[in-house]
Amino acid sequence: MAPRSAALRVGVESASLATPPLAATDIVDVGPEGTVTSWSWVPRPRPKHPLQTPFAWVLVQFDGADTSFLHVLSVADSGEVATGMRVRPEFIPPAERVGHVNDIRHFVAVEGKP
């Protein structure tokens, strides 16, 4: 779910990162899948990166949203990443979720969809 602003734009935001928060007029369902709008390959992750194996930073525009969301895509090789590819989030176990962006472990490719 994501807030819709008075300008009728649908944005996906993390409450911990939004400053100032988007002025929502109502809540709109988005996702659960999205499209990669841009990406950058990380061949040698550093200790503070979210994954310790090669990965891609991706901007994902969830279905139904007007803006993109930055997170990581877990893939083995840069050849598996493309602008326009379909992805979905993989979450941490439900008992560990706290309603934060870190509840998403990483994104994965949606099989069978370009």
C-alpha atoms as a PDB file:
ATOM      1  CA  MET A   1       0.000   0.000   0.000  1.00  0.00           C
ATOM      2  CA  ALA A   2       1.156   3.509  -0.714  1.00  0.00           C
ATOM      3  CA  PRO A   3      -0.162   7.011  -0.091  1.00  0.00           C
ATOM      4  CA  ARG A   4      -1.742   9.056  -2.861  1.00  0.00           C
ATOM      5  CA  SER A   5      -0.968  12.786  -2.662  1.00  0.00           C
ATOM      6  CA  ALA A   6      -3.367  15.620  -3.375  1.00  0.00           C
ATOM      7  CA  ALA A   7      -1.784  15.801  -6.843  1.00  0.00           C
ATOM      8  CA  LEU A   8      -3.000  12.192  -7.385  1.00  0.00           C
ATOM      9  CA  ARG A   9       0.540  10.824  -7.542  1.00  0.00           C
ATOM     10  CA  VAL A  10       1.159   7.467  -5.901  1.00  0.00           C
ATOM     11  CA  GLY A  11       4.469   7.204  -4.093  1.00  0.00           C
ATOM     12  CA  VAL A  12       6.150   4.387  -2.213  1.00  0.00           C
ATOM     13  CA  GLU A  13       7.996   5.687   0.802  1.00  0.00           C
ATOM     14  CA  SER A  14       9.609   4.444   3.955  1.00  0.00           C
ATOM     15  CA  ALA A  15       8.283   6.252   7.016  1.00  0.00           C
ATOM     16  CA  SER A  16      11.797   6.358   8.423  1.00  0.00           C
ATOM     17  CA  LEU A  17      13.182   8.121   5.312  1.00  0.00           C
ATOM     18  CA  ALA A  18      10.417  10.500   4.282  1.00  0.00           C
ATOM     19  CA  THR A  19      11.271  14.079   5.222  1.00  0.00           C
ATOM     20  CA  PRO A  20       8.838  15.718   5.061  1.00  0.00           C
ATOM     21  CA  PRO A  21       6.365  12.865   4.638  1.00  0.00           C
ATOM     22  CA  LEU A  22       4.163  12.713   1.580  1.00  0.00           C
ATOM     23  CA  ALA A  23       0.811  14.366   2.313  1.00  0.00           C
ATOM     24  CA  ALA A  24      -1.535  11.457   1.732  1.00  0.00           C
ATOM     25  CA  THR A  25      -5.182  11.874   0.882  1.00  0.00           C
ATOM     26  CA  ASP A  26      -5.866   8.140   0.739  1.00  0.00           C
ATOM     27  CA  ILE A  27      -4.045   4.813   0.639  1.00  0.00           C
ATOM     28  CA  VAL A  28      -3.660   2.918  -2.636  1.00  0.00           C
ATOM     29  CA  ASP A  29      -2.618  -0.717  -3.128  1.00  0.00           C
ATOM     30  CA  VAL A  30       0.604  -1.091  -5.123  1.00  0.00           C
ATOM     31  CA  GLY A  31       2.603  -4.088  -6.270  1.00  0.00           C
ATOM     32  CA  PRO A  32       3.359  -6.722  -5.231  1.00  0.00           C
ATOM     33  CA  GLU A  33       5.539  -6.722  -8.347  1.00  0.00           C
ATOM     34  CA  GLY A  34       7.316  -3.894 -10.077  1.00  0.00           C
ATOM     35  CA  THR A  35       9.560  -2.876 -12.940  1.00  0.00           C
ATOM     36  CA  VAL A  36      13.257  -1.986 -12.738  1.00  0.00           C
ATOM     37  CA  THR A  37      13.594   1.600 -14.009  1.00  0.00           C
ATOM     38  CA  SER A  38      17.363   1.917 -13.462  1.00  0.00           C
ATOM     39  CA  TRP A  39      20.172  -0.131 -11.927  1.00  0.00           C
ATOM     40  CA  SER A  40      23.854  -0.219 -10.982  1.00  0.00           C
ATOM     41  CA  TRP A  41      25.992  -3.346 -10.588  1.00  0.00           C
ATOM     42  CA  VAL A  42      28.088  -3.948  -7.439  1.00  0.00           C
ATOM     43  CA  PRO A  43      30.693  -6.641  -8.266  1.00  0.00           C
ATOM     44  CA  ARG A  44      32.588  -6.388  -4.966  1.00  0.00           C
ATOM     45  CA  PRO A  45      30.313  -5.500  -2.051  1.00  0.00           C
ATOM     46  CA  ARG A  46      31.799  -3.637   0.894  1.00  0.00           C
ATOM     47  CA  PRO A  47      31.198  -4.681   4.522  1.00  0.00           C
ATOM     48  CA  LYS A  48      28.337  -2.197   5.023  1.00  0.00           C
ATOM     49  CA  HIS A  49      26.419  -3.240   1.902  1.00  0.00           C
ATOM     50  CA  PRO A  50      23.162  -5.142   2.462  1.00  0.00           C
ATOM     51  CA  LEU A  51      24.419  -8.239   0.590  1.00  0.00           C
ATOM     52  CA  GLN A  52      27.910  -9.722   0.718  1.00  0.00           C
ATOM     53  CA  THR A  53      27.686 -11.336  -2.723  1.00  0.00           C
ATOM     54  CA  PRO A  54      27.586  -9.362  -6.005  1.00  0.00           C
ATOM     55  CA  PHE A  55      24.240  -7.578  -6.434  1.00  0.00           C
ATOM     56  CA  ALA A  56      22.525  -4.696  -8.198  1.00  0.00           C
ATOM     57  CA  TRP A  57      21.126  -1.530  -6.706  1.00  0.00           C
ATOM     58  CA  VAL A  58      17.768  -1.123  -8.459  1.00  0.00           C
ATOM     59  CA  LEU A  59      15.089   1.510  -8.704  1.00  0.00           C
ATOM     60  CA  VAL A  60      11.780  -0.376  -8.724  1.00  0.00           C
ATOM     61  CA  GLN A  61       8.505   1.199  -9.763  1.00  0.00           C
ATOM     62  CA  PHE A  62       5.828  -0.905  -8.101  1.00  0.00           C
ATOM     63  CA  ASP A  63       2.723  -1.611 -10.167  1.00  0.00           C
ATOM     64  CA  GLY A  64       0.310   1.246  -9.505  1.00  0.00           C
ATOM     65  CA  ALA A  65       2.982   3.690  -8.243  1.00  0.00           C
ATOM     66  CA  ASP A  66       4.261   6.847  -9.949  1.00  0.00           C
ATOM     67  CA  THR A  67       7.680   6.863  -8.286  1.00  0.00           C
ATOM     68  CA  SER A  68      10.510   4.381  -7.867  1.00  0.00           C
ATOM     69  CA  PHE A  69      11.869   2.693  -4.755  1.00  0.00           C
ATOM     70  CA  LEU A  70      15.605   2.027  -4.170  1.00  0.00           C
ATOM     71  CA  HIS A  71      16.621  -1.431  -2.955  1.00  0.00           C
ATOM     72  CA  VAL A  72      18.860  -4.379  -3.876  1.00  0.00           C
ATOM     73  CA  LEU A  73      18.324  -7.129  -6.440  1.00  0.00           C
ATOM     74  CA  SER A  74      19.855 -10.513  -5.660  1.00  0.00           C
ATOM     75  CA  VAL A  75      21.307 -11.933  -8.887  1.00  0.00           C
ATOM     76  CA  ALA A  76      24.506 -13.841  -9.628  1.00  0.00           C
ATOM     77  CA  ASP A  77      25.669 -11.826 -12.635  1.00  0.00           C
ATOM     78  CA  SER A  78      25.153  -8.387 -14.165  1.00  0.00           C
ATOM     79  CA  GLY A  79      23.853 -10.108 -17.302  1.00  0.00           C
ATOM     80  CA  GLU A  80      20.739 -11.059 -15.300  1.00  0.00           C
ATOM     81  CA  VAL A  81      19.767  -7.396 -14.734  1.00  0.00           C
ATOM     82  CA  ALA A  82      17.986  -5.188 -17.247  1.00  0.00           C
ATOM     83  CA  THR A  83      15.973  -2.001 -17.225  1.00  0.00           C
ATOM     84  CA  GLY A  84      12.356  -3.043 -17.708  1.00  0.00           C
ATOM     85  CA  MET A  85      12.695  -6.425 -16.003  1.00  0.00           C
ATOM     86  CA  ARG A  86       9.968  -7.522 -13.604  1.00  0.00           C
ATOM     87  CA  VAL A  87      10.848  -8.053  -9.937  1.00  0.00           C
ATOM     88  CA  ARG A  88       9.193  -8.787  -6.605  1.00  0.00           C
ATOM     89  CA  PRO A  89      10.348  -8.316  -3.016  1.00  0.00           C
ATOM     90  CA  GLU A  90      11.497 -11.181  -0.799  1.00  0.00           C
ATOM     91  CA  PHE A  91      10.657 -10.435   2.827  1.00  0.00           C
ATOM     92  CA  ILE A  92      12.231 -11.497   6.090  1.00  0.00           C
ATOM     93  CA  PRO A  93      10.110 -13.969   8.134  1.00  0.00           C
ATOM     94  CA  PRO A  94       6.764 -12.487   9.309  1.00  0.00           C
ATOM     95  CA  ALA A  95       7.665 -12.797  12.998  1.00  0.00           C
ATOM     96  CA  GLU A  96      10.709 -10.531  12.419  1.00  0.00           C
ATOM     97  CA  ARG A  97       8.926  -7.741  10.479  1.00  0.00           C
ATOM     98  CA  VAL A  98       8.549  -4.326  12.091  1.00  0.00           C
ATOM     99  CA  GLY A  99       7.000  -2.221   9.294  1.00  0.00           C
ATOM    100  CA  HIS A 100      10.343  -0.861   8.030  1.00  0.00           C
ATOM    101  CA  VAL A 101      12.084  -0.896   4.651  1.00  0.00           C
ATOM    102  CA  ASN A 102      14.455  -3.512   6.106  1.00  0.00           C
ATOM    103  CA  ASP A 103      11.538  -5.942   6.191  1.00  0.00           C
ATOM    104  CA  ILE A 104      12.396  -6.430   2.511  1.00  0.00           C
ATOM    105  CA  ARG A 105      15.470  -8.682   2.369  1.00  0.00           C
ATOM    106  CA  HIS A 106      16.018  -8.038  -1.352  1.00  0.00           C
ATOM    107  CA  PHE A 107      14.230  -8.172  -4.694  1.00  0.00           C
ATOM    108  CA  VAL A 108      14.290 -11.153  -7.071  1.00  0.00           C
ATOM    109  CA  ALA A 109      13.463 -11.510 -10.736  1.00  0.00           C
ATOM    110  CA  VAL A 110       9.934 -12.625 -11.589  1.00  0.00           C
ATOM    111  CA  GLU A 111      10.408 -15.786 -13.623  1.00  0.00           C
ATOM    112  CA  GLY A 112       8.916 -15.877 -17.070  1.00  0.00           C
ATOM    113  CA  LYS A 113       8.521 -12.100 -17.347  1.00  0.00           C
ATOM    114  CA  PRO A 114      10.919  -9.820 -19.224  1.00  0.00           C
END
